[in-house]
Amino acid sequence: MENQITCVFQLSVKNGMLDNFKVLVEKVVAATRKEAETLAYFYSVDQSGQVVHIIEQYANSLALVSHIDQTFAPFADDFISMVDIGKLTVYGNPDQNAKLRLNNFGAMYLTPFDGFIG
């Protein structure tokens, strides 16, 4: 657990884009499912259909970088065209290479100091 990184994105889906966004997300999730060191990756939407949270958990910084650079990259332009990124909170201790990517999303970093995942 020491090297794990969890990211929580808060997005706003642009008006009229939710259906198209869901179709794209289905493709992103299918591609991400193939990543051996992605431990969790799921999307949730509020009742208005405008606020979406993504929870991502990676075994380590290398897995996170691989996800961004290889798996997510082919979908990035379409993804970004459909949403506004409101907030990204990162839990864990990503290395500098991972931070270079996460900083592009306005990341706020929180360092764990106690607790467990059961």
PDB file of N, CA and C in Angstrom:
ATOM      1  N   MET A   1       0.822  -1.196   0.000  1.00  0.00           N
ATOM      2  CA  MET A   1       0.000   0.000   0.000  1.00  0.00           C
ATOM      3  C   MET A   1       0.864   1.257   0.000  1.00  0.00           C
ATOM      4  N   GLU A   2       2.096   1.127   0.410  1.00  0.00           N
ATOM      5  CA  GLU A   2       2.978   2.274   0.547  1.00  0.00           C
ATOM      6  C   GLU A   2       3.153   3.059  -0.757  1.00  0.00           C
ATOM      7  N   ASN A   3       3.171   2.375  -1.891  1.00  0.00           N
ATOM      8  CA  ASN A   3       3.389   3.033  -3.176  1.00  0.00           C
ATOM      9  C   ASN A   3       2.109   3.356  -3.926  1.00  0.00           C
ATOM     10  N   GLN A   4       0.961   2.924  -3.404  1.00  0.00           N
ATOM     11  CA  GLN A   4      -0.294   3.126  -4.122  1.00  0.00           C
ATOM     12  C   GLN A   4      -0.654   4.599  -4.212  1.00  0.00           C
ATOM     13  N   ILE A   5      -1.298   4.936  -5.320  1.00  0.00           N
ATOM     14  CA  ILE A   5      -1.744   6.303  -5.553  1.00  0.00           C
ATOM     15  C   ILE A   5      -3.217   6.255  -5.924  1.00  0.00           C
ATOM     16  N   THR A   6      -3.997   7.091  -5.264  1.00  0.00           N
ATOM     17  CA  THR A   6      -5.417   7.214  -5.569  1.00  0.00           C
ATOM     18  C   THR A   6      -5.688   8.630  -6.044  1.00  0.00           C
ATOM     19  N   CYS A   7      -6.417   8.732  -7.155  1.00  0.00           N
ATOM     20  CA  CYS A   7      -6.791  10.032  -7.712  1.00  0.00           C
ATOM     21  C   CYS A   7      -8.310  10.133  -7.730  1.00  0.00           C
ATOM     22  N   VAL A   8      -8.823  11.278  -7.307  1.00  0.00           N
ATOM     23  CA  VAL A   8     -10.252  11.541  -7.375  1.00  0.00           C
ATOM     24  C   VAL A   8     -10.439  12.818  -8.196  1.00  0.00           C
ATOM     25  N   PHE A   9     -11.026  12.647  -9.371  1.00  0.00           N
ATOM     26  CA  PHE A   9     -11.336  13.770 -10.255  1.00  0.00           C
ATOM     27  C   PHE A   9     -12.786  14.182 -10.045  1.00  0.00           C
ATOM     28  N   GLN A  10     -13.032  15.484 -10.073  1.00  0.00           N
ATOM     29  CA  GLN A  10     -14.400  15.998 -10.131  1.00  0.00           C
ATOM     30  C   GLN A  10     -14.522  16.752 -11.450  1.00  0.00           C
ATOM     31  N   LEU A  11     -15.462  16.319 -12.275  1.00  0.00           N
ATOM     32  CA  LEU A  11     -15.660  16.895 -13.605  1.00  0.00           C
ATOM     33  C   LEU A  11     -17.057  17.466 -13.722  1.00  0.00           C
ATOM     34  N   SER A  12     -17.207  18.417 -14.624  1.00  0.00           N
ATOM     35  CA  SER A  12     -18.525  18.890 -15.026  1.00  0.00           C
ATOM     36  C   SER A  12     -18.697  18.522 -16.489  1.00  0.00           C
ATOM     37  N   VAL A  13     -19.737  17.762 -16.788  1.00  0.00           N
ATOM     38  CA  VAL A  13     -20.020  17.379 -18.168  1.00  0.00           C
ATOM     39  C   VAL A  13     -20.708  18.567 -18.842  1.00  0.00           C
ATOM     40  N   LYS A  14     -20.221  18.911 -20.020  1.00  0.00           N
ATOM     41  CA  LYS A  14     -20.798  20.029 -20.762  1.00  0.00           C
ATOM     42  C   LYS A  14     -22.225  19.693 -21.189  1.00  0.00           C
ATOM     43  N   ASN A  15     -23.049  20.733 -21.286  1.00  0.00           N
ATOM     44  CA  ASN A  15     -24.473  20.559 -21.618  1.00  0.00           C
ATOM     45  C   ASN A  15     -24.651  19.718 -22.871  1.00  0.00           C
ATOM     46  N   GLY A  16     -25.549  18.746 -22.768  1.00  0.00           N
ATOM     47  CA  GLY A  16     -25.899  17.906 -23.890  1.00  0.00           C
ATOM     48  C   GLY A  16     -24.873  16.841 -24.246  1.00  0.00           C
ATOM     49  N   MET A  17     -23.825  16.688 -23.432  1.00  0.00           N
ATOM     50  CA  MET A  17     -22.734  15.771 -23.768  1.00  0.00           C
ATOM     51  C   MET A  17     -22.745  14.465 -22.981  1.00  0.00           C
ATOM     52  N   LEU A  18     -23.667  14.293 -22.041  1.00  0.00           N
ATOM     53  CA  LEU A  18     -23.604  13.129 -21.149  1.00  0.00           C
ATOM     54  C   LEU A  18     -23.682  11.805 -21.919  1.00  0.00           C
ATOM     55  N   ASP A  19     -24.585  11.682 -22.863  1.00  0.00           N
ATOM     56  CA  ASP A  19     -24.707  10.421 -23.590  1.00  0.00           C
ATOM     57  C   ASP A  19     -23.425  10.103 -24.366  1.00  0.00           C
ATOM     58  N   ASN A  20     -22.883  11.082 -25.063  1.00  0.00           N
ATOM     59  CA  ASN A  20     -21.626  10.886 -25.794  1.00  0.00           C
ATOM     60  C   ASN A  20     -20.485  10.587 -24.839  1.00  0.00           C
ATOM     61  N   PHE A  21     -20.477  11.256 -23.697  1.00  0.00           N
ATOM     62  CA  PHE A  21     -19.437  11.039 -22.695  1.00  0.00           C
ATOM     63  C   PHE A  21     -19.496   9.607 -22.179  1.00  0.00           C
ATOM     64  N   LYS A  22     -20.686   9.105 -21.914  1.00  0.00           N
ATOM     65  CA  LYS A  22     -20.826   7.732 -21.426  1.00  0.00           C
ATOM     66  C   LYS A  22     -20.314   6.716 -22.449  1.00  0.00           C
ATOM     67  N   VAL A  23     -20.551   6.962 -23.721  1.00  0.00           N
ATOM     68  CA  VAL A  23     -20.050   6.065 -24.769  1.00  0.00           C
ATOM     69  C   VAL A  23     -18.521   6.074 -24.772  1.00  0.00           C
ATOM     70  N   LEU A  24     -17.926   7.257 -24.660  1.00  0.00           N
ATOM     71  CA  LEU A  24     -16.465   7.361 -24.620  1.00  0.00           C
ATOM     72  C   LEU A  24     -15.904   6.696 -23.370  1.00  0.00           C
ATOM     73  N   VAL A  25     -16.529   6.936 -22.236  1.00  0.00           N
ATOM     74  CA  VAL A  25     -16.063   6.354 -20.972  1.00  0.00           C
ATOM     75  C   VAL A  25     -16.080   4.831 -21.044  1.00  0.00           C
ATOM     76  N   GLU A  26     -17.066   4.270 -21.676  1.00  0.00           N
ATOM     77  CA  GLU A  26     -17.125   2.814 -21.823  1.00  0.00           C
ATOM     78  C   GLU A  26     -15.860   2.300 -22.519  1.00  0.00           C
ATOM     79  N   LYS A  27     -15.394   3.016 -23.517  1.00  0.00           N
ATOM     80  CA  LYS A  27     -14.174   2.629 -24.234  1.00  0.00           C
ATOM     81  C   LYS A  27     -12.934   2.808 -23.354  1.00  0.00           C
ATOM     82  N   VAL A  28     -12.898   3.913 -22.616  1.00  0.00           N
ATOM     83  CA  VAL A  28     -11.758   4.171 -21.728  1.00  0.00           C
ATOM     84  C   VAL A  28     -11.674   3.101 -20.642  1.00  0.00           C
ATOM     85  N   VAL A  29     -12.810   2.763 -20.052  1.00  0.00           N
ATOM     86  CA  VAL A  29     -12.835   1.756 -18.993  1.00  0.00           C
ATOM     87  C   VAL A  29     -12.407   0.392 -19.546  1.00  0.00           C
ATOM     88  N   ALA A  30     -12.881   0.041 -20.729  1.00  0.00           N
ATOM     89  CA  ALA A  30     -12.493  -1.240 -21.329  1.00  0.00           C
ATOM     90  C   ALA A  30     -10.982  -1.303 -21.543  1.00  0.00           C
ATOM     91  N   ALA A  31     -10.393  -0.225 -22.009  1.00  0.00           N
ATOM     92  CA  ALA A  31      -8.944  -0.188 -22.217  1.00  0.00           C
ATOM     93  C   ALA A  31      -8.199  -0.233 -20.881  1.00  0.00           C
ATOM     94  N   THR A  32      -8.712   0.479 -19.894  1.00  0.00           N
ATOM     95  CA  THR A  32      -8.072   0.546 -18.578  1.00  0.00           C
ATOM     96  C   THR A  32      -8.151  -0.794 -17.856  1.00  0.00           C
ATOM     97  N   ARG A  33      -9.211  -1.535 -18.090  1.00  0.00           N
ATOM     98  CA  ARG A  33      -9.395  -2.847 -17.448  1.00  0.00           C
ATOM     99  C   ARG A  33      -8.222  -3.786 -17.756  1.00  0.00           C
ATOM    100  N   LYS A  34      -7.531  -3.569 -18.849  1.00  0.00           N
ATOM    101  CA  LYS A  34      -6.410  -4.413 -19.271  1.00  0.00           C
ATOM    102  C   LYS A  34      -5.105  -4.076 -18.544  1.00  0.00           C
ATOM    103  N   GLU A  35      -5.075  -2.982 -17.800  1.00  0.00           N
ATOM    104  CA  GLU A  35      -3.870  -2.570 -17.081  1.00  0.00           C
ATOM    105  C   GLU A  35      -3.713  -3.405 -15.804  1.00  0.00           C
ATOM    106  N   ALA A  36      -2.639  -4.145 -15.724  1.00  0.00           N
ATOM    107  CA  ALA A  36      -2.435  -5.061 -14.595  1.00  0.00           C
ATOM    108  C   ALA A  36      -2.309  -4.335 -13.253  1.00  0.00           C
ATOM    109  N   GLU A  37      -1.752  -3.146 -13.251  1.00  0.00           N
ATOM    110  CA  GLU A  37      -1.507  -2.462 -11.977  1.00  0.00           C
ATOM    111  C   GLU A  37      -2.486  -1.328 -11.682  1.00  0.00           C
ATOM    112  N   THR A  38      -3.595  -1.305 -12.416  1.00  0.00           N
ATOM    113  CA  THR A  38      -4.687  -0.407 -12.050  1.00  0.00           C
ATOM    114  C   THR A  38      -5.595  -1.189 -11.120  1.00  0.00           C
ATOM    115  N   LEU A  39      -5.694  -0.726  -9.895  1.00  0.00           N
ATOM    116  CA  LEU A  39      -6.406  -1.457  -8.843  1.00  0.00           C
ATOM    117  C   LEU A  39      -7.888  -1.112  -8.783  1.00  0.00           C
ATOM    118  N   ALA A  40      -8.236   0.112  -9.159  1.00  0.00           N
ATOM    119  CA  ALA A  40      -9.636   0.555  -9.175  1.00  0.00           C
ATOM    120  C   ALA A  40      -9.757   1.671 -10.196  1.00  0.00           C
ATOM    121  N   TYR A  41     -10.904   1.701 -10.881  1.00  0.00           N
ATOM    122  CA  TYR A  41     -11.123   2.734 -11.889  1.00  0.00           C
ATOM    123  C   TYR A  41     -12.611   2.794 -12.153  1.00  0.00           C
ATOM    124  N   PHE A  42     -13.296   3.797 -11.584  1.00  0.00           N
ATOM    125  CA  PHE A  42     -14.734   3.874 -11.816  1.00  0.00           C
ATOM    126  C   PHE A  42     -15.252   5.302 -11.808  1.00  0.00           C
ATOM    127  N   TYR A  43     -16.357   5.467 -12.516  1.00  0.00           N
ATOM    128  CA  TYR A  43     -17.016   6.755 -12.716  1.00  0.00           C
ATOM    129  C   TYR A  43     -18.350   6.748 -11.998  1.00  0.00           C
ATOM    130  N   SER A  44     -18.721   7.885 -11.422  1.00  0.00           N
ATOM    131  CA  SER A  44     -20.033   8.068 -10.799  1.00  0.00           C
ATOM    132  C   SER A  44     -20.569   9.426 -11.226  1.00  0.00           C
ATOM    133  N   VAL A  45     -21.887   9.512 -11.398  1.00  0.00           N
ATOM    134  CA  VAL A  45     -22.523  10.759 -11.845  1.00  0.00           C
ATOM    135  C   VAL A  45     -23.629  11.141 -10.875  1.00  0.00           C
ATOM    136  N   ASP A  46     -23.829  12.445 -10.682  1.00  0.00           N
ATOM    137  CA  ASP A  46     -24.906  12.904  -9.807  1.00  0.00           C
ATOM    138  C   ASP A  46     -26.238  12.856 -10.557  1.00  0.00           C
ATOM    139  N   GLN A  47     -27.322  13.162  -9.857  1.00  0.00           N
ATOM    140  CA  GLN A  47     -28.665  13.063 -10.438  1.00  0.00           C
ATOM    141  C   GLN A  47     -28.888  14.044 -11.577  1.00  0.00           C
ATOM    142  N   SER A  48     -28.180  15.159 -11.573  1.00  0.00           N
ATOM    143  CA  SER A  48     -28.362  16.153 -12.636  1.00  0.00           C
ATOM    144  C   SER A  48     -27.705  15.715 -13.944  1.00  0.00           C
ATOM    145  N   GLY A  49     -26.799  14.730 -13.847  1.00  0.00           N
ATOM    146  CA  GLY A  49     -26.077  14.284 -15.027  1.00  0.00           C
ATOM    147  C   GLY A  49     -24.954  15.213 -15.429  1.00  0.00           C
ATOM    148  N   GLN A  50     -24.580  16.110 -14.537  1.00  0.00           N
ATOM    149  CA  GLN A  50     -23.540  17.082 -14.873  1.00  0.00           C
ATOM    150  C   GLN A  50     -22.256  16.894 -14.079  1.00  0.00           C
ATOM    151  N   VAL A  51     -22.356  16.427 -12.848  1.00  0.00           N
ATOM    152  CA  VAL A  51     -21.162  16.262 -12.010  1.00  0.00           C
ATOM    153  C   VAL A  51     -20.753  14.796 -12.034  1.00  0.00           C
ATOM    154  N   VAL A  52     -19.502  14.562 -12.419  1.00  0.00           N
ATOM    155  CA  VAL A  52     -18.957  13.213 -12.485  1.00  0.00           C
ATOM    156  C   VAL A  52     -17.711  13.149 -11.623  1.00  0.00           C
ATOM    157  N   HIS A  53     -17.579  12.087 -10.860  1.00  0.00           N
ATOM    158  CA  HIS A  53     -16.342  11.800 -10.136  1.00  0.00           C
ATOM    159  C   HIS A  53     -15.719  10.555 -10.750  1.00  0.00           C
ATOM    160  N   ILE A  54     -14.408  10.585 -10.857  1.00  0.00           N
ATOM    161  CA  ILE A  54     -13.651   9.398 -11.269  1.00  0.00           C
ATOM    162  C   ILE A  54     -12.745   9.044 -10.112  1.00  0.00           C
ATOM    163  N   ILE A  55     -12.773   7.784  -9.710  1.00  0.00           N
ATOM    164  CA  ILE A  55     -11.851   7.298  -8.683  1.00  0.00           C
ATOM    165  C   ILE A  55     -10.921   6.304  -9.357  1.00  0.00           C
ATOM    166  N   GLU A  56      -9.630   6.602  -9.271  1.00  0.00           N
ATOM    167  CA  GLU A  56      -8.596   5.784  -9.891  1.00  0.00           C
ATOM    168  C   GLU A  56      -7.594   5.385  -8.820  1.00  0.00           C
ATOM    169  N   GLN A  57      -7.208   4.128  -8.802  1.00  0.00           N
ATOM    170  CA  GLN A  57      -6.183   3.689  -7.856  1.00  0.00           C
ATOM    171  C   GLN A  57      -5.164   2.839  -8.599  1.00  0.00           C
ATOM    172  N   TYR A  58      -3.902   3.197  -8.403  1.00  0.00           N
ATOM    173  CA  TYR A  58      -2.795   2.545  -9.089  1.00  0.00           C
ATOM    174  C   TYR A  58      -1.833   1.945  -8.075  1.00  0.00           C
ATOM    175  N   ALA A  59      -1.177   0.868  -8.472  1.00  0.00           N
ATOM    176  CA  ALA A  59      -0.221   0.194  -7.586  1.00  0.00           C
ATOM    177  C   ALA A  59       0.989   1.066  -7.297  1.00  0.00           C
ATOM    178  N   ASN A  60       1.335   1.952  -8.250  1.00  0.00           N
ATOM    179  CA  ASN A  60       2.530   2.779  -8.087  1.00  0.00           C
ATOM    180  C   ASN A  60       2.535   3.883  -9.132  1.00  0.00           C
ATOM    181  N   SER A  61       3.532   4.742  -9.079  1.00  0.00           N
ATOM    182  CA  SER A  61       3.642   5.865 -10.005  1.00  0.00           C
ATOM    183  C   SER A  61       3.809   5.409 -11.446  1.00  0.00           C
ATOM    184  N   LEU A  62       4.573   4.359 -11.654  1.00  0.00           N
ATOM    185  CA  LEU A  62       4.786   3.849 -13.010  1.00  0.00           C
ATOM    186  C   LEU A  62       3.465   3.438 -13.659  1.00  0.00           C
ATOM    187  N   ALA A  63       2.596   2.796 -12.905  1.00  0.00           N
ATOM    188  CA  ALA A  63       1.292   2.383 -13.426  1.00  0.00           C
ATOM    189  C   ALA A  63       0.435   3.599 -13.780  1.00  0.00           C
ATOM    190  N   LEU A  64       0.477   4.624 -12.956  1.00  0.00           N
ATOM    191  CA  LEU A  64      -0.278   5.849 -13.222  1.00  0.00           C
ATOM    192  C   LEU A  64       0.221   6.518 -14.497  1.00  0.00           C
ATOM    193  N   VAL A  65       1.526   6.649 -14.642  1.00  0.00           N
ATOM    194  CA  VAL A  65       2.114   7.275 -15.832  1.00  0.00           C
ATOM    195  C   VAL A  65       1.765   6.474 -17.080  1.00  0.00           C
ATOM    196  N   SER A  66       1.848   5.162 -16.993  1.00  0.00           N
ATOM    197  CA  SER A  66       1.496   4.310 -18.114  1.00  0.00           C
ATOM    198  C   SER A  66       0.036   4.520 -18.516  1.00  0.00           C
ATOM    199  N   HIS A  67      -0.848   4.624 -17.538  1.00  0.00           N
ATOM    200  CA  HIS A  67      -2.260   4.861 -17.833  1.00  0.00           C
ATOM    201  C   HIS A  67      -2.441   6.167 -18.601  1.00  0.00           C
ATOM    202  N   ILE A  68      -1.838   7.229 -18.115  1.00  0.00           N
ATOM    203  CA  ILE A  68      -2.007   8.541 -18.754  1.00  0.00           C
ATOM    204  C   ILE A  68      -1.381   8.557 -20.143  1.00  0.00           C
ATOM    205  N   ASP A  69      -0.154   8.081 -20.242  1.00  0.00           N
ATOM    206  CA  ASP A  69       0.604   8.195 -21.498  1.00  0.00           C
ATOM    207  C   ASP A  69       0.169   7.206 -22.571  1.00  0.00           C
ATOM    208  N   GLN A  70      -0.252   6.019 -22.169  1.00  0.00           N
ATOM    209  CA  GLN A  70      -0.551   4.987 -23.160  1.00  0.00           C
ATOM    210  C   GLN A  70      -2.046   4.705 -23.294  1.00  0.00           C
ATOM    211  N   THR A  71      -2.706   4.419 -22.196  1.00  0.00           N
ATOM    212  CA  THR A  71      -4.107   4.006 -22.267  1.00  0.00           C
ATOM    213  C   THR A  71      -5.041   5.185 -22.492  1.00  0.00           C
ATOM    214  N   PHE A  72      -4.879   6.251 -21.727  1.00  0.00           N
ATOM    215  CA  PHE A  72      -5.806   7.386 -21.801  1.00  0.00           C
ATOM    216  C   PHE A  72      -5.512   8.306 -22.984  1.00  0.00           C
ATOM    217  N   ALA A  73      -4.267   8.411 -23.391  1.00  0.00           N
ATOM    218  CA  ALA A  73      -3.855   9.368 -24.425  1.00  0.00           C
ATOM    219  C   ALA A  73      -4.708   9.326 -25.696  1.00  0.00           C
ATOM    220  N   PRO A  74      -5.040   8.157 -26.244  1.00  0.00           N
ATOM    221  CA  PRO A  74      -5.840   8.150 -27.474  1.00  0.00           C
ATOM    222  C   PRO A  74      -7.252   8.738 -27.310  1.00  0.00           C
ATOM    223  N   PHE A  75      -7.732   8.807 -26.086  1.00  0.00           N
ATOM    224  CA  PHE A  75      -9.074   9.302 -25.805  1.00  0.00           C
ATOM    225  C   PHE A  75      -9.076  10.743 -25.278  1.00  0.00           C
ATOM    226  N   ALA A  76      -7.904  11.267 -24.960  1.00  0.00           N
ATOM    227  CA  ALA A  76      -7.794  12.521 -24.215  1.00  0.00           C
ATOM    228  C   ALA A  76      -8.489  13.701 -24.881  1.00  0.00           C
ATOM    229  N   ASP A  77      -8.269  13.917 -26.159  1.00  0.00           N
ATOM    230  CA  ASP A  77      -8.859  15.089 -26.821  1.00  0.00           C
ATOM    231  C   ASP A  77     -10.380  15.043 -26.787  1.00  0.00           C
ATOM    232  N   ASP A  78     -10.969  13.894 -27.120  1.00  0.00           N
ATOM    233  CA  ASP A  78     -12.424  13.768 -27.070  1.00  0.00           C
ATOM    234  C   ASP A  78     -12.941  13.937 -25.646  1.00  0.00           C
ATOM    235  N   PHE A  79     -12.242  13.333 -24.698  1.00  0.00           N
ATOM    236  CA  PHE A  79     -12.623  13.394 -23.288  1.00  0.00           C
ATOM    237  C   PHE A  79     -12.664  14.851 -22.820  1.00  0.00           C
ATOM    238  N   ILE A  80     -11.571  15.564 -23.054  1.00  0.00           N
ATOM    239  CA  ILE A  80     -11.450  16.953 -22.594  1.00  0.00           C
ATOM    240  C   ILE A  80     -12.469  17.862 -23.291  1.00  0.00           C
ATOM    241  N   SER A  81     -12.867  17.521 -24.505  1.00  0.00           N
ATOM    242  CA  SER A  81     -13.844  18.351 -25.221  1.00  0.00           C
ATOM    243  C   SER A  81     -15.242  18.249 -24.617  1.00  0.00           C
ATOM    244  N   MET A  82     -15.489  17.213 -23.816  1.00  0.00           N
ATOM    245  CA  MET A  82     -16.828  16.981 -23.262  1.00  0.00           C
ATOM    246  C   MET A  82     -16.980  17.393 -21.805  1.00  0.00           C
ATOM    247  N   VAL A  83     -15.865  17.721 -21.144  1.00  0.00           N
ATOM    248  CA  VAL A  83     -15.922  18.023 -19.711  1.00  0.00           C
ATOM    249  C   VAL A  83     -15.059  19.221 -19.352  1.00  0.00           C
ATOM    250  N   ASP A  84     -15.327  19.750 -18.182  1.00  0.00           N
ATOM    251  CA  ASP A  84     -14.438  20.707 -17.532  1.00  0.00           C
ATOM    252  C   ASP A  84     -13.949  20.028 -16.263  1.00  0.00           C
ATOM    253  N   ILE A  85     -12.645  20.015 -16.061  1.00  0.00           N
ATOM    254  CA  ILE A  85     -12.086  19.412 -14.848  1.00  0.00           C
ATOM    255  C   ILE A  85     -12.128  20.451 -13.745  1.00  0.00           C
ATOM    256  N   GLY A  86     -12.884  20.143 -12.706  1.00  0.00           N
ATOM    257  CA  GLY A  86     -13.044  21.074 -11.601  1.00  0.00           C
ATOM    258  C   GLY A  86     -11.984  20.898 -10.531  1.00  0.00           C
ATOM    259  N   LYS A  87     -11.632  19.628 -10.279  1.00  0.00           N
ATOM    260  CA  LYS A  87     -10.756  19.372  -9.137  1.00  0.00           C
ATOM    261  C   LYS A  87     -10.122  17.998  -9.295  1.00  0.00           C
ATOM    262  N   LEU A  88      -8.882  17.890  -8.882  1.00  0.00           N
ATOM    263  CA  LEU A  88      -8.198  16.598  -8.797  1.00  0.00           C
ATOM    264  C   LEU A  88      -7.503  16.535  -7.449  1.00  0.00           C
ATOM    265  N   THR A  89      -7.856  15.533  -6.664  1.00  0.00           N
ATOM    266  CA  THR A  89      -7.196  15.289  -5.386  1.00  0.00           C
ATOM    267  C   THR A  89      -6.421  13.984  -5.520  1.00  0.00           C
ATOM    268  N   VAL A  90      -5.156  14.028  -5.134  1.00  0.00           N
ATOM    269  CA  VAL A  90      -4.273  12.864  -5.246  1.00  0.00           C
ATOM    270  C   VAL A  90      -3.848  12.447  -3.851  1.00  0.00           C
ATOM    271  N   TYR A  91      -4.067  11.166  -3.533  1.00  0.00           N
ATOM    272  CA  TYR A  91      -3.694  10.587  -2.254  1.00  0.00           C
ATOM    273  C   TYR A  91      -2.539   9.634  -2.490  1.00  0.00           C
ATOM    274  N   GLY A  92      -1.488   9.765  -1.718  1.00  0.00           N
ATOM    275  CA  GLY A  92      -0.327   8.904  -1.882  1.00  0.00           C
ATOM    276  C   GLY A  92       0.920   9.737  -2.082  1.00  0.00           C
ATOM    277  N   ASN A  93       1.954   9.083  -2.585  1.00  0.00           N
ATOM    278  CA  ASN A  93       3.235   9.747  -2.778  1.00  0.00           C
ATOM    279  C   ASN A  93       3.737   9.538  -4.210  1.00  0.00           C
ATOM    280  N   PRO A  94       3.081  10.192  -5.187  1.00  0.00           N
ATOM    281  CA  PRO A  94       3.524  10.012  -6.565  1.00  0.00           C
ATOM    282  C   PRO A  94       4.935  10.573  -6.753  1.00  0.00           C
ATOM    283  N   ASP A  95       5.686   9.933  -7.646  1.00  0.00           N
ATOM    284  CA  ASP A  95       7.022  10.443  -7.931  1.00  0.00           C
ATOM    285  C   ASP A  95       6.921  11.663  -8.859  1.00  0.00           C
ATOM    286  N   GLN A  96       8.062  12.271  -9.144  1.00  0.00           N
ATOM    287  CA  GLN A  96       8.080  13.502  -9.940  1.00  0.00           C
ATOM    288  C   GLN A  96       7.530  13.277 -11.344  1.00  0.00           C
ATOM    289  N   ASN A  97       7.807  12.121 -11.912  1.00  0.00           N
ATOM    290  CA  ASN A  97       7.318  11.799 -13.237  1.00  0.00           C
ATOM    291  C   ASN A  97       5.785  11.780 -13.255  1.00  0.00           C
ATOM    292  N   ALA A  98       5.179  11.182 -12.254  1.00  0.00           N
ATOM    293  CA  ALA A  98       3.719  11.158 -12.144  1.00  0.00           C
ATOM    294  C   ALA A  98       3.176  12.560 -11.899  1.00  0.00           C
ATOM    295  N   LYS A  99       3.842  13.315 -11.032  1.00  0.00           N
ATOM    296  CA  LYS A  99       3.386  14.676 -10.739  1.00  0.00           C
ATOM    297  C   LYS A  99       3.403  15.567 -11.976  1.00  0.00           C
ATOM    298  N   LEU A 100       4.366  15.363 -12.851  1.00  0.00           N
ATOM    299  CA  LEU A 100       4.409  16.145 -14.094  1.00  0.00           C
ATOM    300  C   LEU A 100       3.110  15.978 -14.878  1.00  0.00           C
ATOM    301  N   ARG A 101       2.569  14.777 -14.903  1.00  0.00           N
ATOM    302  CA  ARG A 101       1.312  14.538 -15.603  1.00  0.00           C
ATOM    303  C   ARG A 101       0.115  15.060 -14.820  1.00  0.00           C
ATOM    304  N   LEU A 102       0.093  14.800 -13.520  1.00  0.00           N
ATOM    305  CA  LEU A 102      -1.044  15.193 -12.697  1.00  0.00           C
ATOM    306  C   LEU A 102      -1.162  16.705 -12.545  1.00  0.00           C
ATOM    307  N   ASN A 103      -0.045  17.391 -12.554  1.00  0.00           N
ATOM    308  CA  ASN A 103      -0.075  18.854 -12.440  1.00  0.00           C
ATOM    309  C   ASN A 103      -0.850  19.488 -13.588  1.00  0.00           C
ATOM    310  N   ASN A 104      -0.875  18.824 -14.743  1.00  0.00           N
ATOM    311  CA  ASN A 104      -1.632  19.334 -15.890  1.00  0.00           C
ATOM    312  C   ASN A 104      -3.128  19.401 -15.604  1.00  0.00           C
ATOM    313  N   PHE A 105      -3.586  18.651 -14.605  1.00  0.00           N
ATOM    314  CA  PHE A 105      -4.995  18.629 -14.227  1.00  0.00           C
ATOM    315  C   PHE A 105      -5.264  19.453 -12.963  1.00  0.00           C
ATOM    316  N   GLY A 106      -4.272  20.227 -12.510  1.00  0.00           N
ATOM    317  CA  GLY A 106      -4.449  21.064 -11.323  1.00  0.00           C
ATOM    318  C   GLY A 106      -4.485  20.278 -10.030  1.00  0.00           C
ATOM    319  N   ALA A 107      -3.663  19.263  -9.918  1.00  0.00           N
ATOM    320  CA  ALA A 107      -3.690  18.351  -8.769  1.00  0.00           C
ATOM    321  C   ALA A 107      -3.393  19.031  -7.435  1.00  0.00           C
ATOM    322  N   MET A 108      -4.129  18.589  -6.413  1.00  0.00           N
ATOM    323  CA  MET A 108      -3.830  18.909  -5.020  1.00  0.00           C
ATOM    324  C   MET A 108      -3.379  17.599  -4.389  1.00  0.00           C
ATOM    325  N   TYR A 109      -2.232  17.599  -3.722  1.00  0.00           N
ATOM    326  CA  TYR A 109      -1.640  16.381  -3.172  1.00  0.00           C
ATOM    327  C   TYR A 109      -1.861  16.300  -1.673  1.00  0.00           C
ATOM    328  N   LEU A 110      -2.330  15.141  -1.235  1.00  0.00           N
ATOM    329  CA  LEU A 110      -2.490  14.859   0.191  1.00  0.00           C
ATOM    330  C   LEU A 110      -1.658  13.630   0.518  1.00  0.00           C
ATOM    331  N   THR A 111      -0.828  13.740   1.532  1.00  0.00           N
ATOM    332  CA  THR A 111       0.063  12.660   1.921  1.00  0.00           C
ATOM    333  C   THR A 111      -0.559  11.865   3.068  1.00  0.00           C
ATOM    334  N   PRO A 112      -0.712  10.571   2.908  1.00  0.00           N
ATOM    335  CA  PRO A 112      -1.287   9.761   3.980  1.00  0.00           C
ATOM    336  C   PRO A 112      -0.378   9.737   5.210  1.00  0.00           C
ATOM    337  N   PHE A 113      -0.994   9.700   6.372  1.00  0.00           N
ATOM    338  CA  PHE A 113      -0.190   9.605   7.593  1.00  0.00           C
ATOM    339  C   PHE A 113      -0.669   8.515   8.541  1.00  0.00           C
ATOM    340  N   ASP A 114      -1.865   7.933   8.290  1.00  0.00           N
ATOM    341  CA  ASP A 114      -2.352   6.850   9.139  1.00  0.00           C
ATOM    342  C   ASP A 114      -3.562   6.215   8.470  1.00  0.00           C
ATOM    343  N   GLY A 115      -3.830   4.955   8.762  1.00  0.00           N
ATOM    344  CA  GLY A 115      -5.019   4.287   8.268  1.00  0.00           C
ATOM    345  C   GLY A 115      -4.696   3.019   7.504  1.00  0.00           C
ATOM    346  N   PHE A 116      -5.730   2.418   6.913  1.00  0.00           N
ATOM    347  CA  PHE A 116      -5.545   1.182   6.164  1.00  0.00           C
ATOM    348  C   PHE A 116      -6.687   1.003   5.169  1.00  0.00           C
ATOM    349  N   ILE A 117      -6.456   0.152   4.203  1.00  0.00           N
ATOM    350  CA  ILE A 117      -7.501  -0.292   3.293  1.00  0.00           C
ATOM    351  C   ILE A 117      -7.648  -1.779   3.522  1.00  0.00           C
ATOM    352  N   GLY A 118      -8.841  -2.228   3.840  1.00  0.00           N
ATOM    353  CA  GLY A 118      -9.052  -3.616   4.183  1.00  0.00           C
ATOM    354  C   GLY A 118      -9.586  -4.355   3.096  1.00  0.00           C
TER     355      GLY A 118
END
